Amino acid sequence: MHWLKVFIAAFFEVFWVIGLKYADSPLTWTGTIISIAVSFYLMIMAGKVLPVGTVYAVFVGMGTAGTVLSEMIFFGEPFKLTKIMLVLMLLIGVLGLKLVTKEGKAEGAESS
């Protein structure tokens, strides 16, 4: 369940990163700000249970891959085999981090 939060946070990261580049109206800026809030809220919630370093690496890796692919698919960025191979290597590293990371029990004020 906590990894799902990280994946959804990365999904919203793609929207806010693209929004920072292309937002040009109050509506698109509002969507960008909402995406930032949702993205960071979910990442912070996941980081309370999962190792923060791994959460951040997975979050950034998936967000980067999603942003690069979205730019190519929706915004005319040229497809380059080298770029696709590097994104795949990034995703393999992210998947590896996820596979070797165990969910821990939350510590601190919220655990009982």
PDB file of N, CA and C in Angstrom:
ATOM      1  N   MET A   1       0.822  -1.196   0.000  1.00  0.00           N
ATOM      2  CA  MET A   1       0.000   0.000   0.000  1.00  0.00           C
ATOM      3  C   MET A   1       0.871   1.267   0.000  1.00  0.00           C
ATOM      4  N   HIS A   2       1.961   1.251   0.750  1.00  0.00           N
ATOM      5  CA  HIS A   2       2.820   2.429   0.834  1.00  0.00           C
ATOM      6  C   HIS A   2       3.569   2.655  -0.476  1.00  0.00           C
ATOM      7  N   TRP A   3       3.928   1.564  -1.167  1.00  0.00           N
ATOM      8  CA  TRP A   3       4.577   1.726  -2.466  1.00  0.00           C
ATOM      9  C   TRP A   3       3.610   2.319  -3.484  1.00  0.00           C
ATOM     10  N   LEU A   4       2.334   2.005  -3.352  1.00  0.00           N
ATOM     11  CA  LEU A   4       1.333   2.594  -4.240  1.00  0.00           C
ATOM     12  C   LEU A   4       1.321   4.120  -4.086  1.00  0.00           C
ATOM     13  N   LYS A   5       1.491   4.591  -2.858  1.00  0.00           N
ATOM     14  CA  LYS A   5       1.575   6.040  -2.622  1.00  0.00           C
ATOM     15  C   LYS A   5       2.754   6.640  -3.383  1.00  0.00           C
ATOM     16  N   VAL A   6       3.882   5.937  -3.383  1.00  0.00           N
ATOM     17  CA  VAL A   6       5.070   6.436  -4.086  1.00  0.00           C
ATOM     18  C   VAL A   6       4.801   6.483  -5.590  1.00  0.00           C
ATOM     19  N   PHE A   7       4.172   5.438  -6.126  1.00  0.00           N
ATOM     20  CA  PHE A   7       3.895   5.395  -7.563  1.00  0.00           C
ATOM     21  C   PHE A   7       2.912   6.494  -7.974  1.00  0.00           C
ATOM     22  N   ILE A   8       1.888   6.710  -7.172  1.00  0.00           N
ATOM     23  CA  ILE A   8       0.923   7.772  -7.468  1.00  0.00           C
ATOM     24  C   ILE A   8       1.596   9.141  -7.337  1.00  0.00           C
ATOM     25  N   ALA A   9       2.455   9.296  -6.338  1.00  0.00           N
ATOM     26  CA  ALA A   9       3.191  10.554  -6.172  1.00  0.00           C
ATOM     27  C   ALA A   9       4.053  10.829  -7.402  1.00  0.00           C
ATOM     28  N   ALA A  10       4.718   9.805  -7.922  1.00  0.00           N
ATOM     29  CA  ALA A  10       5.550   9.974  -9.118  1.00  0.00           C
ATOM     30  C   ALA A  10       4.693  10.325 -10.330  1.00  0.00           C
ATOM     31  N   PHE A  11       3.503   9.732 -10.411  1.00  0.00           N
ATOM     32  CA  PHE A  11       2.569  10.043 -11.496  1.00  0.00           C
ATOM     33  C   PHE A  11       2.212  11.531 -11.470  1.00  0.00           C
ATOM     34  N   PHE A  12       1.907  12.046 -10.284  1.00  0.00           N
ATOM     35  CA  PHE A  12       1.582  13.469 -10.164  1.00  0.00           C
ATOM     36  C   PHE A  12       2.812  14.344 -10.387  1.00  0.00           C
ATOM     37  N   GLU A  13       3.991  13.813 -10.087  1.00  0.00           N
ATOM     38  CA  GLU A  13       5.212  14.576 -10.339  1.00  0.00           C
ATOM     39  C   GLU A  13       5.348  14.904 -11.824  1.00  0.00           C
ATOM     40  N   VAL A  14       5.011  13.951 -12.673  1.00  0.00           N
ATOM     41  CA  VAL A  14       5.081  14.185 -14.115  1.00  0.00           C
ATOM     42  C   VAL A  14       4.216  15.392 -14.491  1.00  0.00           C
ATOM     43  N   PHE A  15       3.007  15.457 -13.928  1.00  0.00           N
ATOM     44  CA  PHE A  15       2.102  16.564 -14.245  1.00  0.00           C
ATOM     45  C   PHE A  15       2.652  17.907 -13.775  1.00  0.00           C
ATOM     46  N   TRP A  16       3.216  17.943 -12.552  1.00  0.00           N
ATOM     47  CA  TRP A  16       3.666  19.257 -12.098  1.00  0.00           C
ATOM     48  C   TRP A  16       4.953  19.696 -12.774  1.00  0.00           C
ATOM     49  N   VAL A  17       5.814  18.749 -13.131  1.00  0.00           N
ATOM     50  CA  VAL A  17       7.034  19.138 -13.837  1.00  0.00           C
ATOM     51  C   VAL A  17       6.683  19.695 -15.218  1.00  0.00           C
ATOM     52  N   ILE A  18       5.785  19.008 -15.916  1.00  0.00           N
ATOM     53  CA  ILE A  18       5.338  19.507 -17.221  1.00  0.00           C
ATOM     54  C   ILE A  18       4.586  20.826 -17.036  1.00  0.00           C
ATOM     55  N   GLY A  19       3.791  20.918 -15.972  1.00  0.00           N
ATOM     56  CA  GLY A  19       3.059  22.150 -15.692  1.00  0.00           C
ATOM     57  C   GLY A  19       3.978  23.333 -15.471  1.00  0.00           C
ATOM     58  N   LEU A  20       5.111  23.119 -14.819  1.00  0.00           N
ATOM     59  CA  LEU A  20       6.052  24.222 -14.604  1.00  0.00           C
ATOM     60  C   LEU A  20       6.574  24.774 -15.927  1.00  0.00           C
ATOM     61  N   LYS A  21       6.653  23.908 -16.921  1.00  0.00           N
ATOM     62  CA  LYS A  21       7.151  24.354 -18.221  1.00  0.00           C
ATOM     63  C   LYS A  21       6.047  24.971 -19.086  1.00  0.00           C
ATOM     64  N   TYR A  22       4.860  24.377 -19.053  1.00  0.00           N
ATOM     65  CA  TYR A  22       3.836  24.764 -20.015  1.00  0.00           C
ATOM     66  C   TYR A  22       2.654  25.554 -19.437  1.00  0.00           C
ATOM     67  N   ALA A  23       2.538  25.676 -18.136  1.00  0.00           N
ATOM     68  CA  ALA A  23       1.395  26.391 -17.557  1.00  0.00           C
ATOM     69  C   ALA A  23       1.416  27.851 -17.998  1.00  0.00           C
ATOM     70  N   ASP A  24       0.258  28.320 -18.479  1.00  0.00           N
ATOM     71  CA  ASP A  24       0.187  29.688 -18.968  1.00  0.00           C
ATOM     72  C   ASP A  24      -1.145  30.368 -18.651  1.00  0.00           C
ATOM     73  N   SER A  25      -1.929  29.760 -17.779  1.00  0.00           N
ATOM     74  CA  SER A  25      -3.210  30.359 -17.393  1.00  0.00           C
ATOM     75  C   SER A  25      -3.473  30.028 -15.927  1.00  0.00           C
ATOM     76  N   PRO A  26      -4.390  30.729 -15.303  1.00  0.00           N
ATOM     77  CA  PRO A  26      -4.699  30.413 -13.902  1.00  0.00           C
ATOM     78  C   PRO A  26      -5.150  28.962 -13.708  1.00  0.00           C
ATOM     79  N   LEU A  27      -5.870  28.408 -14.665  1.00  0.00           N
ATOM     80  CA  LEU A  27      -6.330  27.026 -14.555  1.00  0.00           C
ATOM     81  C   LEU A  27      -5.165  26.036 -14.590  1.00  0.00           C
ATOM     82  N   THR A  28      -4.245  26.217 -15.530  1.00  0.00           N
ATOM     83  CA  THR A  28      -3.112  25.293 -15.611  1.00  0.00           C
ATOM     84  C   THR A  28      -2.161  25.474 -14.428  1.00  0.00           C
ATOM     85  N   TRP A  29      -2.011  26.708 -13.931  1.00  0.00           N
ATOM     86  CA  TRP A  29      -1.183  26.912 -12.741  1.00  0.00           C
ATOM     87  C   TRP A  29      -1.840  26.285 -11.511  1.00  0.00           C
ATOM     88  N   THR A  30      -3.160  26.347 -11.422  1.00  0.00           N
ATOM     89  CA  THR A  30      -3.865  25.711 -10.309  1.00  0.00           C
ATOM     90  C   THR A  30      -3.659  24.205 -10.347  1.00  0.00           C
ATOM     91  N   GLY A  31      -3.772  23.614 -11.533  1.00  0.00           N
ATOM     92  CA  GLY A  31      -3.520  22.180 -11.679  1.00  0.00           C
ATOM     93  C   GLY A  31      -2.103  21.804 -11.300  1.00  0.00           C
ATOM     94  N   THR A  32      -1.158  22.648 -11.669  1.00  0.00           N
ATOM     95  CA  THR A  32       0.247  22.401 -11.331  1.00  0.00           C
ATOM     96  C   THR A  32       0.454  22.441  -9.819  1.00  0.00           C
ATOM     97  N   ILE A  33      -0.123  23.424  -9.160  1.00  0.00           N
ATOM     98  CA  ILE A  33       0.022  23.549  -7.699  1.00  0.00           C
ATOM     99  C   ILE A  33      -0.646  22.372  -6.982  1.00  0.00           C
ATOM    100  N   ILE A  34      -1.816  21.964  -7.453  1.00  0.00           N
ATOM    101  CA  ILE A  34      -2.501  20.803  -6.859  1.00  0.00           C
ATOM    102  C   ILE A  34      -1.652  19.550  -7.053  1.00  0.00           C
ATOM    103  N   SER A  35      -1.065  19.395  -8.229  1.00  0.00           N
ATOM    104  CA  SER A  35      -0.207  18.233  -8.485  1.00  0.00           C
ATOM    105  C   SER A  35       1.009  18.215  -7.568  1.00  0.00           C
ATOM    106  N   ILE A  36       1.602  19.388  -7.321  1.00  0.00           N
ATOM    107  CA  ILE A  36       2.736  19.469  -6.393  1.00  0.00           C
ATOM    108  C   ILE A  36       2.293  19.028  -5.003  1.00  0.00           C
ATOM    109  N   ALA A  37       1.162  19.543  -4.546  1.00  0.00           N
ATOM    110  CA  ALA A  37       0.681  19.218  -3.196  1.00  0.00           C
ATOM    111  C   ALA A  37       0.390  17.734  -3.052  1.00  0.00           C
ATOM    112  N   VAL A  38      -0.315  17.152  -4.012  1.00  0.00           N
ATOM    113  CA  VAL A  38      -0.647  15.720  -3.940  1.00  0.00           C
ATOM    114  C   VAL A  38       0.619  14.882  -3.990  1.00  0.00           C
ATOM    115  N   SER A  39       1.516  15.236  -4.906  1.00  0.00           N
ATOM    116  CA  SER A  39       2.748  14.483  -5.086  1.00  0.00           C
ATOM    117  C   SER A  39       3.584  14.449  -3.805  1.00  0.00           C
ATOM    118  N   PHE A  40       3.831  15.610  -3.232  1.00  0.00           N
ATOM    119  CA  PHE A  40       4.672  15.660  -2.043  1.00  0.00           C
ATOM    120  C   PHE A  40       3.970  15.087  -0.817  1.00  0.00           C
ATOM    121  N   TYR A  41       2.661  15.273  -0.710  1.00  0.00           N
ATOM    122  CA  TYR A  41       1.927  14.687   0.422  1.00  0.00           C
ATOM    123  C   TYR A  41       2.061  13.165   0.401  1.00  0.00           C
ATOM    124  N   LEU A  42       1.832  12.551  -0.746  1.00  0.00           N
ATOM    125  CA  LEU A  42       1.928  11.089  -0.834  1.00  0.00           C
ATOM    126  C   LEU A  42       3.352  10.601  -0.599  1.00  0.00           C
ATOM    127  N   MET A  43       4.335  11.330  -1.117  1.00  0.00           N
ATOM    128  CA  MET A  43       5.721  10.928  -0.897  1.00  0.00           C
ATOM    129  C   MET A  43       6.078  11.020   0.583  1.00  0.00           C
ATOM    130  N   ILE A  44       5.653  12.061   1.253  1.00  0.00           N
ATOM    131  CA  ILE A  44       5.934  12.223   2.684  1.00  0.00           C
ATOM    132  C   ILE A  44       5.254  11.130   3.495  1.00  0.00           C
ATOM    133  N   MET A  45       4.007  10.802   3.163  1.00  0.00           N
ATOM    134  CA  MET A  45       3.289   9.745   3.879  1.00  0.00           C
ATOM    135  C   MET A  45       3.974   8.396   3.695  1.00  0.00           C
ATOM    136  N   ALA A  46       4.432   8.102   2.500  1.00  0.00           N
ATOM    137  CA  ALA A  46       5.142   6.845   2.261  1.00  0.00           C
ATOM    138  C   ALA A  46       6.476   6.830   3.001  1.00  0.00           C
ATOM    139  N   GLY A  47       7.131   7.984   3.074  1.00  0.00           N
ATOM    140  CA  GLY A  47       8.422   8.079   3.754  1.00  0.00           C
ATOM    141  C   GLY A  47       8.341   7.891   5.256  1.00  0.00           C
ATOM    142  N   LYS A  48       7.144   7.953   5.820  1.00  0.00           N
ATOM    143  CA  LYS A  48       6.991   7.698   7.254  1.00  0.00           C
ATOM    144  C   LYS A  48       7.103   6.209   7.576  1.00  0.00           C
ATOM    145  N   VAL A  49       6.908   5.356   6.569  1.00  0.00           N
ATOM    146  CA  VAL A  49       6.949   3.910   6.789  1.00  0.00           C
ATOM    147  C   VAL A  49       8.120   3.263   6.056  1.00  0.00           C
ATOM    148  N   LEU A  50       8.383   3.712   4.848  1.00  0.00           N
ATOM    149  CA  LEU A  50       9.461   3.158   4.029  1.00  0.00           C
ATOM    150  C   LEU A  50      10.726   3.989   4.228  1.00  0.00           C
ATOM    151  N   PRO A  51      11.890   3.417   3.913  1.00  0.00           N
ATOM    152  CA  PRO A  51      13.129   4.196   4.015  1.00  0.00           C
ATOM    153  C   PRO A  51      13.089   5.427   3.107  1.00  0.00           C
ATOM    154  N   VAL A  52      13.367   6.568   3.673  1.00  0.00           N
ATOM    155  CA  VAL A  52      13.220   7.839   2.965  1.00  0.00           C
ATOM    156  C   VAL A  52      14.115   7.894   1.728  1.00  0.00           C
ATOM    157  N   GLY A  53      15.339   7.438   1.835  1.00  0.00           N
ATOM    158  CA  GLY A  53      16.248   7.473   0.683  1.00  0.00           C
ATOM    159  C   GLY A  53      15.728   6.669  -0.485  1.00  0.00           C
ATOM    160  N   THR A  54      15.181   5.504  -0.201  1.00  0.00           N
ATOM    161  CA  THR A  54      14.635   4.664  -1.259  1.00  0.00           C
ATOM    162  C   THR A  54      13.372   5.283  -1.841  1.00  0.00           C
ATOM    163  N   VAL A  55      12.505   5.805  -0.977  1.00  0.00           N
ATOM    164  CA  VAL A  55      11.281   6.465  -1.450  1.00  0.00           C
ATOM    165  C   VAL A  55      11.651   7.604  -2.390  1.00  0.00           C
ATOM    166  N   TYR A  56      12.597   8.417  -2.001  1.00  0.00           N
ATOM    167  CA  TYR A  56      12.980   9.567  -2.823  1.00  0.00           C
ATOM    168  C   TYR A  56      13.583   9.110  -4.151  1.00  0.00           C
ATOM    169  N   ALA A  57      14.444   8.101  -4.115  1.00  0.00           N
ATOM    170  CA  ALA A  57      15.065   7.605  -5.346  1.00  0.00           C
ATOM    171  C   ALA A  57      14.015   7.046  -6.304  1.00  0.00           C
ATOM    172  N   VAL A  58      13.068   6.281  -5.788  1.00  0.00           N
ATOM    173  CA  VAL A  58      12.008   5.717  -6.629  1.00  0.00           C
ATOM    174  C   VAL A  58      11.123   6.837  -7.168  1.00  0.00           C
ATOM    175  N   PHE A  59      10.758   7.767  -6.317  1.00  0.00           N
ATOM    176  CA  PHE A  59       9.924   8.909  -6.696  1.00  0.00           C
ATOM    177  C   PHE A  59      10.570   9.701  -7.839  1.00  0.00           C
ATOM    178  N   VAL A  60      11.819  10.074  -7.665  1.00  0.00           N
ATOM    179  CA  VAL A  60      12.514  10.885  -8.667  1.00  0.00           C
ATOM    180  C   VAL A  60      12.767  10.078  -9.935  1.00  0.00           C
ATOM    181  N   GLY A  61      13.156   8.819  -9.786  1.00  0.00           N
ATOM    182  CA  GLY A  61      13.424   7.980 -10.961  1.00  0.00           C
ATOM    183  C   GLY A  61      12.193   7.779 -11.818  1.00  0.00           C
ATOM    184  N   MET A  62      11.082   7.435 -11.175  1.00  0.00           N
ATOM    185  CA  MET A  62       9.847   7.234 -11.933  1.00  0.00           C
ATOM    186  C   MET A  62       9.335   8.549 -12.514  1.00  0.00           C
ATOM    187  N   GLY A  63       9.452   9.621 -11.751  1.00  0.00           N
ATOM    188  CA  GLY A  63       9.022  10.918 -12.254  1.00  0.00           C
ATOM    189  C   GLY A  63       9.850  11.368 -13.446  1.00  0.00           C
ATOM    190  N   THR A  64      11.145  11.135 -13.382  1.00  0.00           N
ATOM    191  CA  THR A  64      12.027  11.487 -14.495  1.00  0.00           C
ATOM    192  C   THR A  64      11.686  10.682 -15.743  1.00  0.00           C
ATOM    193  N   ALA A  65      11.531   9.379 -15.562  1.00  0.00           N
ATOM    194  CA  ALA A  65      11.185   8.523 -16.702  1.00  0.00           C
ATOM    195  C   ALA A  65       9.844   8.938 -17.296  1.00  0.00           C
ATOM    196  N   GLY A  66       8.861   9.184 -16.452  1.00  0.00           N
ATOM    197  CA  GLY A  66       7.546   9.597 -16.936  1.00  0.00           C
ATOM    198  C   GLY A  66       7.580  10.930 -17.654  1.00  0.00           C
ATOM    199  N   THR A  67       8.371  11.857 -17.144  1.00  0.00           N
ATOM    200  CA  THR A  67       8.473  13.171 -17.770  1.00  0.00           C
ATOM    201  C   THR A  67       9.150  13.066 -19.134  1.00  0.00           C
ATOM    202  N   VAL A  68      10.231  12.318 -19.223  1.00  0.00           N
ATOM    203  CA  VAL A  68      10.937  12.154 -20.501  1.00  0.00           C
ATOM    204  C   VAL A  68      10.014  11.502 -21.531  1.00  0.00           C
ATOM    205  N   LEU A  69       9.335  10.438 -21.136  1.00  0.00           N
ATOM    206  CA  LEU A  69       8.440   9.749 -22.070  1.00  0.00           C
ATOM    207  C   LEU A  69       7.255  10.632 -22.464  1.00  0.00           C
ATOM    208  N   SER A  70       6.707  11.375 -21.522  1.00  0.00           N
ATOM    209  CA  SER A  70       5.590  12.278 -21.826  1.00  0.00           C
ATOM    210  C   SER A  70       6.014  13.372 -22.800  1.00  0.00           C
ATOM    211  N   GLU A  71       7.195  13.910 -22.601  1.00  0.00           N
ATOM    212  CA  GLU A  71       7.703  14.933 -23.523  1.00  0.00           C
ATOM    213  C   GLU A  71       7.807  14.372 -24.939  1.00  0.00           C
ATOM    214  N   MET A  72       8.262  13.127 -25.065  1.00  0.00           N
ATOM    215  CA  MET A  72       8.395  12.520 -26.384  1.00  0.00           C
ATOM    216  C   MET A  72       7.031  12.217 -27.004  1.00  0.00           C
ATOM    217  N   ILE A  73       6.110  11.711 -26.207  1.00  0.00           N
ATOM    218  CA  ILE A  73       4.805  11.297 -26.732  1.00  0.00           C
ATOM    219  C   ILE A  73       3.899  12.492 -27.016  1.00  0.00           C
ATOM    220  N   PHE A  74       3.842  13.442 -26.091  1.00  0.00           N
ATOM    221  CA  PHE A  74       2.848  14.515 -26.195  1.00  0.00           C
ATOM    222  C   PHE A  74       3.379  15.865 -26.673  1.00  0.00           C
ATOM    223  N   PHE A  75       4.686  16.099 -26.556  1.00  0.00           N
ATOM    224  CA  PHE A  75       5.196  17.440 -26.839  1.00  0.00           C
ATOM    225  C   PHE A  75       6.264  17.486 -27.925  1.00  0.00           C
ATOM    226  N   GLY A  76       6.384  16.441 -28.708  1.00  0.00           N
ATOM    227  CA  GLY A  76       7.246  16.473 -29.885  1.00  0.00           C
ATOM    228  C   GLY A  76       8.732  16.375 -29.637  1.00  0.00           C
ATOM    229  N   GLU A  77       9.133  16.006 -28.436  1.00  0.00           N
ATOM    230  CA  GLU A  77      10.565  15.778 -28.181  1.00  0.00           C
ATOM    231  C   GLU A  77      10.997  14.601 -29.059  1.00  0.00           C
ATOM    232  N   PRO A  78      12.134  14.703 -29.745  1.00  0.00           N
ATOM    233  CA  PRO A  78      12.525  13.610 -30.653  1.00  0.00           C
ATOM    234  C   PRO A  78      12.807  12.302 -29.913  1.00  0.00           C
ATOM    235  N   PHE A  79      12.355  11.201 -30.513  1.00  0.00           N
ATOM    236  CA  PHE A  79      12.655   9.868 -29.987  1.00  0.00           C
ATOM    237  C   PHE A  79      14.089   9.529 -30.341  1.00  0.00           C
ATOM    238  N   LYS A  80      14.845   9.167 -29.324  1.00  0.00           N
ATOM    239  CA  LYS A  80      16.227   8.743 -29.548  1.00  0.00           C
ATOM    240  C   LYS A  80      16.411   7.422 -28.822  1.00  0.00           C
ATOM    241  N   LEU A  81      16.975   6.455 -29.500  1.00  0.00           N
ATOM    242  CA  LEU A  81      17.176   5.133 -28.911  1.00  0.00           C
ATOM    243  C   LEU A  81      18.029   5.231 -27.650  1.00  0.00           C
ATOM    244  N   THR A  82      19.039   6.070 -27.675  1.00  0.00           N
ATOM    245  CA  THR A  82      19.907   6.238 -26.505  1.00  0.00           C
ATOM    246  C   THR A  82      19.112   6.717 -25.295  1.00  0.00           C
ATOM    247  N   LYS A  83      18.229   7.670 -25.514  1.00  0.00           N
ATOM    248  CA  LYS A  83      17.422   8.217 -24.423  1.00  0.00           C
ATOM    249  C   LYS A  83      16.485   7.138 -23.857  1.00  0.00           C
ATOM    250  N   ILE A  84      15.871   6.361 -24.735  1.00  0.00           N
ATOM    251  CA  ILE A  84      14.976   5.288 -24.297  1.00  0.00           C
ATOM    252  C   ILE A  84      15.755   4.240 -23.494  1.00  0.00           C
ATOM    253  N   MET A  85      16.937   3.885 -23.959  1.00  0.00           N
ATOM    254  CA  MET A  85      17.762   2.887 -23.249  1.00  0.00           C
ATOM    255  C   MET A  85      18.161   3.406 -21.859  1.00  0.00           C
ATOM    256  N   LEU A  86      18.503   4.676 -21.767  1.00  0.00           N
ATOM    257  CA  LEU A  86      18.880   5.245 -20.470  1.00  0.00           C
ATOM    258  C   LEU A  86      17.684   5.297 -19.520  1.00  0.00           C
ATOM    259  N   VAL A  87      16.502   5.609 -20.037  1.00  0.00           N
ATOM    260  CA  VAL A  87      15.292   5.597 -19.204  1.00  0.00           C
ATOM    261  C   VAL A  87      15.018   4.178 -18.718  1.00  0.00           C
ATOM    262  N   LEU A  88      15.190   3.190 -19.596  1.00  0.00           N
ATOM    263  CA  LEU A  88      14.990   1.792 -19.185  1.00  0.00           C
ATOM    264  C   LEU A  88      15.990   1.388 -18.096  1.00  0.00           C
ATOM    265  N   MET A  89      17.245   1.822 -18.234  1.00  0.00           N
ATOM    266  CA  MET A  89      18.237   1.523 -17.192  1.00  0.00           C
ATOM    267  C   MET A  89      17.844   2.170 -15.871  1.00  0.00           C
ATOM    268  N   LEU A  90      17.336   3.396 -15.937  1.00  0.00           N
ATOM    269  CA  LEU A  90      16.874   4.098 -14.739  1.00  0.00           C
ATOM    270  C   LEU A  90      15.742   3.317 -14.075  1.00  0.00           C
ATOM    271  N   LEU A  91      14.781   2.869 -14.879  1.00  0.00           N
ATOM    272  CA  LEU A  91      13.647   2.118 -14.329  1.00  0.00           C
ATOM    273  C   LEU A  91      14.077   0.777 -13.742  1.00  0.00           C
ATOM    274  N   ILE A  92      15.062   0.134 -14.344  1.00  0.00           N
ATOM    275  CA  ILE A  92      15.581  -1.120 -13.786  1.00  0.00           C
ATOM    276  C   ILE A  92      16.209  -0.858 -12.418  1.00  0.00           C
ATOM    277  N   GLY A  93      16.950   0.231 -12.284  1.00  0.00           N
ATOM    278  CA  GLY A  93      17.527   0.591 -10.991  1.00  0.00           C
ATOM    279  C   GLY A  93      16.465   0.893  -9.944  1.00  0.00           C
ATOM    280  N   VAL A  94      15.423   1.598 -10.350  1.00  0.00           N
ATOM    281  CA  VAL A  94      14.325   1.923  -9.436  1.00  0.00           C
ATOM    282  C   VAL A  94      13.622   0.647  -8.994  1.00  0.00           C
ATOM    283  N   LEU A  95      13.352  -0.242  -9.938  1.00  0.00           N
ATOM    284  CA  LEU A  95      12.709  -1.513  -9.604  1.00  0.00           C
ATOM    285  C   LEU A  95      13.589  -2.325  -8.662  1.00  0.00           C
ATOM    286  N   GLY A  96      14.887  -2.335  -8.909  1.00  0.00           N
ATOM    287  CA  GLY A  96      15.806  -3.041  -8.021  1.00  0.00           C
ATOM    288  C   GLY A  96      15.771  -2.495  -6.607  1.00  0.00           C
ATOM    289  N   LEU A  97      15.756  -1.170  -6.461  1.00  0.00           N
ATOM    290  CA  LEU A  97      15.662  -0.570  -5.128  1.00  0.00           C
ATOM    291  C   LEU A  97      14.379  -0.979  -4.423  1.00  0.00           C
ATOM    292  N   LYS A  98      13.291  -0.980  -5.160  1.00  0.00           N
ATOM    293  CA  LYS A  98      12.012  -1.358  -4.571  1.00  0.00           C
ATOM    294  C   LYS A  98      12.037  -2.814  -4.121  1.00  0.00           C
ATOM    295  N   LEU A  99      12.613  -3.681  -4.933  1.00  0.00           N
ATOM    296  CA  LEU A  99      12.626  -5.114  -4.612  1.00  0.00           C
ATOM    297  C   LEU A  99      13.481  -5.447  -3.393  1.00  0.00           C
ATOM    298  N   VAL A 100      14.535  -4.692  -3.159  1.00  0.00           N
ATOM    299  CA  VAL A 100      15.414  -5.011  -2.034  1.00  0.00           C
ATOM    300  C   VAL A 100      15.055  -4.247  -0.765  1.00  0.00           C
ATOM    301  N   THR A 101      14.038  -3.406  -0.821  1.00  0.00           N
ATOM    302  CA  THR A 101      13.637  -2.614   0.339  1.00  0.00           C
ATOM    303  C   THR A 101      12.437  -3.239   1.016  1.00  0.00           C
ATOM    304  N   LYS A 102      12.564  -3.465   2.301  1.00  0.00           N
ATOM    305  CA  LYS A 102      11.464  -4.014   3.099  1.00  0.00           C
ATOM    306  C   LYS A 102      10.679  -2.882   3.724  1.00  0.00           C
ATOM    307  N   GLU A 103       9.366  -3.069   3.819  1.00  0.00           N
ATOM    308  CA  GLU A 103       8.547  -2.086   4.525  1.00  0.00           C
ATOM    309  C   GLU A 103       8.818  -2.249   6.007  1.00  0.00           C
ATOM    310  N   GLY A 104       9.027  -1.117   6.669  1.00  0.00           N
ATOM    311  CA  GLY A 104       9.291  -1.144   8.092  1.00  0.00           C
ATOM    312  C   GLY A 104       8.099  -0.623   8.877  1.00  0.00           C
ATOM    313  N   LYS A 105       8.145  -0.840  10.155  1.00  0.00           N
ATOM    314  CA  LYS A 105       7.115  -0.295  11.008  1.00  0.00           C
ATOM    315  C   LYS A 105       7.461   1.150  11.330  1.00  0.00           C
ATOM    316  N   ALA A 106       6.473   2.029  11.262  1.00  0.00           N
ATOM    317  CA  ALA A 106       6.697   3.442  11.527  1.00  0.00           C
ATOM    318  C   ALA A 106       7.180   3.630  12.969  1.00  0.00           C
ATOM    319  N   GLU A 107       8.135   4.521  13.118  1.00  0.00           N
ATOM    320  CA  GLU A 107       8.636   4.834  14.443  1.00  0.00           C
ATOM    321  C   GLU A 107       8.295   6.271  14.781  1.00  0.00           C
ATOM    322  N   GLY A 108       8.275   6.584  16.047  1.00  0.00           N
ATOM    323  CA  GLY A 108       8.034   7.956  16.457  1.00  0.00           C
ATOM    324  C   GLY A 108       6.658   8.149  17.035  1.00  0.00           C
ATOM    325  N   ALA A 109       6.180   9.366  16.953  1.00  0.00           N
ATOM    326  CA  ALA A 109       4.937   9.759  17.611  1.00  0.00           C
ATOM    327  C   ALA A 109       3.716   9.037  17.068  1.00  0.00           C
ATOM    328  N   GLU A 110       3.734   8.656  15.788  1.00  0.00           N
ATOM    329  CA  GLU A 110       2.541   8.051  15.208  1.00  0.00           C
ATOM    330  C   GLU A 110       2.455   6.554  15.440  1.00  0.00           C
ATOM    331  N   SER A 111       3.508   5.903  15.871  1.00  0.00           N
ATOM    332  CA  SER A 111       3.449   4.451  16.100  1.00  0.00           C
ATOM    333  C   SER A 111       2.945   4.176  17.514  1.00  0.00           C
ATOM    334  N   SER A 112       2.274   3.047  17.651  1.00  0.00           N
ATOM    335  CA  SER A 112       1.798   2.701  18.996  1.00  0.00           C
ATOM    336  C   SER A 112       1.925   1.227  19.245  1.00  0.00           C
TER     337      SER A 112
END
